[in-house]
Amino acid sequence: MSLTHFDANGAAHMVDVGQKAETQRTAVASGSIVMTPACFEAVQSGTIGKGDVLGVARIAGIMGAKKTSELIPLCHLLGLTKCSVEFTLCPEECRIIVHCTAQTTGKTGVEMEALTGVNIALLTIYDMCKAMDKSMVIENIHLEEKHGGKSGDYYFGGAAK
């Protein structure tokens, strides 16, 4: 398999998707942030001085997904039909897991939008909490699954759901 963002001469270019069929496309990405117990408790209880950390991170993640083509140079501009950002709180690990689902009907996939949504949500959590905990670690950002398009379904680790 060749890399599609390079032409025959090795120069970067935007892939021509003009001849591809429009299909329903969905991607889910996730990642997490680990913080100190005190910071986790403050996020969970809503006592971080900057406000509702997860509410702001949700909106930021959705906004980030919508602006992916402005951030990643060779991404196509997509009209998202759905974008959601959800959180799983893991108190025993002081970890917040972010899941972003992006959907469109189009000629190219929404993996980059889902991944961008996760990254922006995680960075927003970091920004809102950094006064309390500069040691937070953002990790394990990856594509969980994707559906639609010529390459079909993908599940992280190869396990079908």
C-alpha atoms as a PDB file:
ATOM      1  CA  MET A   1       0.000   0.000   0.000  1.00  0.00           C
ATOM      2  CA  SER A   2       1.362   3.436  -0.902  1.00  0.00           C
ATOM      3  CA  LEU A   3       0.919   6.679   1.000  1.00  0.00           C
ATOM      4  CA  THR A   4      -1.807   8.673  -0.734  1.00  0.00           C
ATOM      5  CA  HIS A   5      -0.659  12.160   0.268  1.00  0.00           C
ATOM      6  CA  PHE A   6       2.386  12.006  -2.011  1.00  0.00           C
ATOM      7  CA  ASP A   7       2.401  12.216  -5.804  1.00  0.00           C
ATOM      8  CA  ALA A   8       4.634  10.162  -8.144  1.00  0.00           C
ATOM      9  CA  ASN A   9       7.482  12.622  -7.561  1.00  0.00           C
ATOM     10  CA  GLY A  10       7.221  12.427  -3.768  1.00  0.00           C
ATOM     11  CA  ALA A  11       5.648  15.869  -3.365  1.00  0.00           C
ATOM     12  CA  ALA A  12       2.865  16.296  -0.793  1.00  0.00           C
ATOM     13  CA  HIS A  13      -0.592  16.892  -2.228  1.00  0.00           C
ATOM     14  CA  MET A  14      -4.248  16.753  -1.271  1.00  0.00           C
ATOM     15  CA  VAL A  15      -5.809  13.465  -2.344  1.00  0.00           C
ATOM     16  CA  ASP A  16      -8.420  13.743  -5.118  1.00  0.00           C
ATOM     17  CA  VAL A  17     -11.602  12.148  -3.790  1.00  0.00           C
ATOM     18  CA  GLY A  18     -13.802  13.452  -6.612  1.00  0.00           C
ATOM     19  CA  GLN A  19     -14.515  10.022  -8.098  1.00  0.00           C
ATOM     20  CA  LYS A  20     -15.223   8.281  -4.791  1.00  0.00           C
ATOM     21  CA  ALA A  21     -18.764   7.374  -3.797  1.00  0.00           C
ATOM     22  CA  GLU A  22     -20.436   9.189  -0.936  1.00  0.00           C
ATOM     23  CA  THR A  23     -21.097   6.844   1.977  1.00  0.00           C
ATOM     24  CA  GLN A  24     -22.072   7.154   5.609  1.00  0.00           C
ATOM     25  CA  ARG A  25     -18.818   7.402   7.584  1.00  0.00           C
ATOM     26  CA  THR A  26     -18.236   7.197  11.316  1.00  0.00           C
ATOM     27  CA  ALA A  27     -15.089   7.273  13.430  1.00  0.00           C
ATOM     28  CA  VAL A  28     -14.582   6.960  17.178  1.00  0.00           C
ATOM     29  CA  ALA A  29     -11.323   8.000  18.831  1.00  0.00           C
ATOM     30  CA  SER A  30     -10.242   8.076  22.448  1.00  0.00           C
ATOM     31  CA  GLY A  31      -7.448   9.211  24.712  1.00  0.00           C
ATOM     32  CA  SER A  32      -6.949   9.944  28.375  1.00  0.00           C
ATOM     33  CA  ILE A  33      -5.451  12.342  30.874  1.00  0.00           C
ATOM     34  CA  VAL A  34      -4.081  11.292  34.257  1.00  0.00           C
ATOM     35  CA  MET A  35      -3.854  13.788  37.104  1.00  0.00           C
ATOM     36  CA  THR A  36      -3.257  14.010  40.832  1.00  0.00           C
ATOM     37  CA  PRO A  37      -6.024  12.816  43.154  1.00  0.00           C
ATOM     38  CA  ALA A  38      -6.694  16.390  44.340  1.00  0.00           C
ATOM     39  CA  CYS A  39      -7.047  17.663  40.782  1.00  0.00           C
ATOM     40  CA  PHE A  40      -9.261  14.722  39.775  1.00  0.00           C
ATOM     41  CA  GLU A  41     -11.533  15.368  42.757  1.00  0.00           C
ATOM     42  CA  ALA A  42     -11.766  19.068  41.865  1.00  0.00           C
ATOM     43  CA  VAL A  43     -12.743  18.242  38.271  1.00  0.00           C
ATOM     44  CA  GLN A  44     -15.248  15.636  39.420  1.00  0.00           C
ATOM     45  CA  SER A  45     -16.818  17.946  42.006  1.00  0.00           C
ATOM     46  CA  GLY A  46     -16.777  21.010  39.747  1.00  0.00           C
ATOM     47  CA  THR A  47     -14.566  23.109  42.028  1.00  0.00           C
ATOM     48  CA  ILE A  48     -11.813  24.061  39.548  1.00  0.00           C
ATOM     49  CA  GLY A  49     -11.637  27.856  39.588  1.00  0.00           C
ATOM     50  CA  LYS A  50     -12.065  28.210  35.821  1.00  0.00           C
ATOM     51  CA  GLY A  51     -15.490  26.534  35.819  1.00  0.00           C
ATOM     52  CA  ASP A  52     -17.071  23.381  34.384  1.00  0.00           C
ATOM     53  CA  VAL A  53     -13.975  21.626  33.033  1.00  0.00           C
ATOM     54  CA  LEU A  54     -15.761  18.782  31.265  1.00  0.00           C
ATOM     55  CA  GLY A  55     -18.496  21.002  29.843  1.00  0.00           C
ATOM     56  CA  VAL A  56     -15.928  23.366  28.352  1.00  0.00           C
ATOM     57  CA  ALA A  57     -13.779  20.445  27.119  1.00  0.00           C
ATOM     58  CA  ARG A  58     -16.824  18.905  25.395  1.00  0.00           C
ATOM     59  CA  ILE A  59     -17.528  22.093  23.443  1.00  0.00           C
ATOM     60  CA  ALA A  60     -13.824  22.565  22.655  1.00  0.00           C
ATOM     61  CA  GLY A  61     -13.564  18.989  21.341  1.00  0.00           C
ATOM     62  CA  ILE A  62     -16.554  19.473  19.054  1.00  0.00           C
ATOM     63  CA  MET A  63     -15.186  22.804  17.822  1.00  0.00           C
ATOM     64  CA  GLY A  64     -11.777  21.217  17.221  1.00  0.00           C
ATOM     65  CA  ALA A  65     -13.292  18.386  15.189  1.00  0.00           C
ATOM     66  CA  LYS A  66     -15.160  20.930  13.052  1.00  0.00           C
ATOM     67  CA  LYS A  67     -11.914  22.807  12.336  1.00  0.00           C
ATOM     68  CA  THR A  68      -9.728  19.794  11.511  1.00  0.00           C
ATOM     69  CA  SER A  69      -9.114  20.847   7.905  1.00  0.00           C
ATOM     70  CA  GLU A  70      -7.746  24.176   9.173  1.00  0.00           C
ATOM     71  CA  LEU A  71      -5.289  22.397  11.496  1.00  0.00           C
ATOM     72  CA  ILE A  72      -4.125  19.398   9.433  1.00  0.00           C
ATOM     73  CA  PRO A  73      -2.765  20.730   6.121  1.00  0.00           C
ATOM     74  CA  LEU A  74      -3.941  18.025   3.700  1.00  0.00           C
ATOM     75  CA  CYS A  75      -7.304  17.145   5.277  1.00  0.00           C
ATOM     76  CA  HIS A  76     -10.452  17.762   3.275  1.00  0.00           C
ATOM     77  CA  LEU A  77     -13.075  20.153   4.612  1.00  0.00           C
ATOM     78  CA  LEU A  78     -15.957  17.959   5.786  1.00  0.00           C
ATOM     79  CA  GLY A  79     -19.491  18.785   6.771  1.00  0.00           C
ATOM     80  CA  LEU A  80     -19.943  16.797   9.963  1.00  0.00           C
ATOM     81  CA  THR A  81     -23.465  15.474  10.456  1.00  0.00           C
ATOM     82  CA  LYS A  82     -22.729  14.541  14.077  1.00  0.00           C
ATOM     83  CA  CYS A  83     -19.970  15.058  16.580  1.00  0.00           C
ATOM     84  CA  SER A  84     -20.096  14.048  20.219  1.00  0.00           C
ATOM     85  CA  VAL A  85     -17.544  14.126  23.022  1.00  0.00           C
ATOM     86  CA  GLU A  86     -18.097  11.951  26.087  1.00  0.00           C
ATOM     87  CA  PHE A  87     -16.073  11.338  29.248  1.00  0.00           C
ATOM     88  CA  THR A  88     -15.434   8.304  31.412  1.00  0.00           C
ATOM     89  CA  LEU A  89     -14.112   9.126  34.877  1.00  0.00           C
ATOM     90  CA  CYS A  90     -11.857   6.501  36.447  1.00  0.00           C
ATOM     91  CA  PRO A  91     -11.363   7.580  40.087  1.00  0.00           C
ATOM     92  CA  GLU A  92      -9.126   4.642  41.004  1.00  0.00           C
ATOM     93  CA  GLU A  93      -6.559   5.818  38.413  1.00  0.00           C
ATOM     94  CA  CYS A  94      -7.338   9.572  38.587  1.00  0.00           C
ATOM     95  CA  ARG A  95      -7.895   9.261  34.823  1.00  0.00           C
ATOM     96  CA  ILE A  96     -10.410  10.884  32.517  1.00  0.00           C
ATOM     97  CA  ILE A  97     -10.998   9.071  29.228  1.00  0.00           C
ATOM     98  CA  VAL A  98     -12.293  11.158  26.325  1.00  0.00           C
ATOM     99  CA  HIS A  99     -14.271   9.568  23.472  1.00  0.00           C
ATOM    100  CA  CYS A 100     -15.085  11.538  20.325  1.00  0.00           C
ATOM    101  CA  THR A 101     -17.482  10.260  17.655  1.00  0.00           C
ATOM    102  CA  ALA A 102     -17.580  12.028  14.298  1.00  0.00           C
ATOM    103  CA  GLN A 103     -19.987  11.280  11.438  1.00  0.00           C
ATOM    104  CA  THR A 104     -20.559  12.495   7.912  1.00  0.00           C
ATOM    105  CA  THR A 105     -21.927  11.373   4.592  1.00  0.00           C
ATOM    106  CA  GLY A 106     -19.125  11.992   2.163  1.00  0.00           C
ATOM    107  CA  LYS A 107     -16.246  10.837   0.007  1.00  0.00           C
ATOM    108  CA  THR A 108     -13.590  10.616   2.704  1.00  0.00           C
ATOM    109  CA  GLY A 109     -13.437   9.433   6.293  1.00  0.00           C
ATOM    110  CA  VAL A 110     -13.744  11.276   9.576  1.00  0.00           C
ATOM    111  CA  GLU A 111     -10.887   9.631  11.491  1.00  0.00           C
ATOM    112  CA  MET A 112      -8.891  12.859  11.682  1.00  0.00           C
ATOM    113  CA  GLU A 113     -11.921  14.764  12.969  1.00  0.00           C
ATOM    114  CA  ALA A 114     -12.485  12.244  15.771  1.00  0.00           C
ATOM    115  CA  LEU A 115      -8.783  12.258  16.686  1.00  0.00           C
ATOM    116  CA  THR A 116      -8.644  16.059  16.629  1.00  0.00           C
ATOM    117  CA  GLY A 117     -11.737  16.261  18.837  1.00  0.00           C
ATOM    118  CA  VAL A 118     -10.085  14.006  21.419  1.00  0.00           C
ATOM    119  CA  ASN A 119      -6.837  15.988  21.370  1.00  0.00           C
ATOM    120  CA  ILE A 120      -8.525  19.366  21.747  1.00  0.00           C
ATOM    121  CA  ALA A 121     -10.767  18.122  24.577  1.00  0.00           C
ATOM    122  CA  LEU A 122      -7.729  16.709  26.413  1.00  0.00           C
ATOM    123  CA  LEU A 123      -5.715  19.905  25.899  1.00  0.00           C
ATOM    124  CA  THR A 124      -8.647  21.924  27.222  1.00  0.00           C
ATOM    125  CA  ILE A 125      -8.774  19.802  30.381  1.00  0.00           C
ATOM    126  CA  TYR A 126      -5.036  20.352  30.794  1.00  0.00           C
ATOM    127  CA  ASP A 127      -5.383  24.104  30.277  1.00  0.00           C
ATOM    128  CA  MET A 128      -8.213  24.440  32.767  1.00  0.00           C
ATOM    129  CA  CYS A 129      -6.414  22.371  35.428  1.00  0.00           C
ATOM    130  CA  LYS A 130      -2.759  23.344  34.982  1.00  0.00           C
ATOM    131  CA  ALA A 131      -2.824  25.850  37.850  1.00  0.00           C
ATOM    132  CA  MET A 132      -3.591  22.937  40.171  1.00  0.00           C
ATOM    133  CA  ASP A 133      -1.542  20.166  38.498  1.00  0.00           C
ATOM    134  CA  LYS A 134       1.210  20.707  35.947  1.00  0.00           C
ATOM    135  CA  SER A 135       2.164  17.012  36.091  1.00  0.00           C
ATOM    136  CA  MET A 136      -0.884  15.767  34.150  1.00  0.00           C
ATOM    137  CA  VAL A 137      -0.124  13.232  31.424  1.00  0.00           C
ATOM    138  CA  ILE A 138      -2.072  12.968  28.175  1.00  0.00           C
ATOM    139  CA  GLU A 139      -1.777   9.486  26.706  1.00  0.00           C
ATOM    140  CA  ASN A 140      -3.107   6.657  24.591  1.00  0.00           C
ATOM    141  CA  ILE A 141      -4.760   8.737  21.874  1.00  0.00           C
ATOM    142  CA  HIS A 142      -5.926   6.405  19.138  1.00  0.00           C
ATOM    143  CA  LEU A 143      -8.643   5.465  16.681  1.00  0.00           C
ATOM    144  CA  GLU A 144     -11.066   3.033  18.336  1.00  0.00           C
ATOM    145  CA  GLU A 145     -13.139   2.220  15.268  1.00  0.00           C
ATOM    146  CA  LYS A 146     -14.226   3.486  11.893  1.00  0.00           C
ATOM    147  CA  HIS A 147     -17.020   2.556   9.513  1.00  0.00           C
ATOM    148  CA  GLY A 148     -17.795   3.331   5.884  1.00  0.00           C
ATOM    149  CA  GLY A 149     -15.805   3.877   2.755  1.00  0.00           C
ATOM    150  CA  LYS A 150     -13.930   1.512   0.472  1.00  0.00           C
ATOM    151  CA  SER A 151     -11.713   0.086   3.222  1.00  0.00           C
ATOM    152  CA  GLY A 152     -14.724  -0.907   5.342  1.00  0.00           C
ATOM    153  CA  ASP A 153     -14.788  -1.298   9.098  1.00  0.00           C
ATOM    154  CA  TYR A 154     -11.806  -1.033  11.414  1.00  0.00           C
ATOM    155  CA  TYR A 155     -11.613  -1.881  15.122  1.00  0.00           C
ATOM    156  CA  PHE A 156      -8.604  -1.114  17.301  1.00  0.00           C
ATOM    157  CA  GLY A 157      -6.741  -4.332  17.983  1.00  0.00           C
ATOM    158  CA  GLY A 158      -8.686  -6.107  15.242  1.00  0.00           C
ATOM    159  CA  ALA A 159     -11.555  -7.153  17.500  1.00  0.00           C
ATOM    160  CA  ALA A 160     -14.982  -6.789  15.873  1.00  0.00           C
ATOM    161  CA  LYS A 161     -17.823  -5.550  18.043  1.00  0.00           C
END
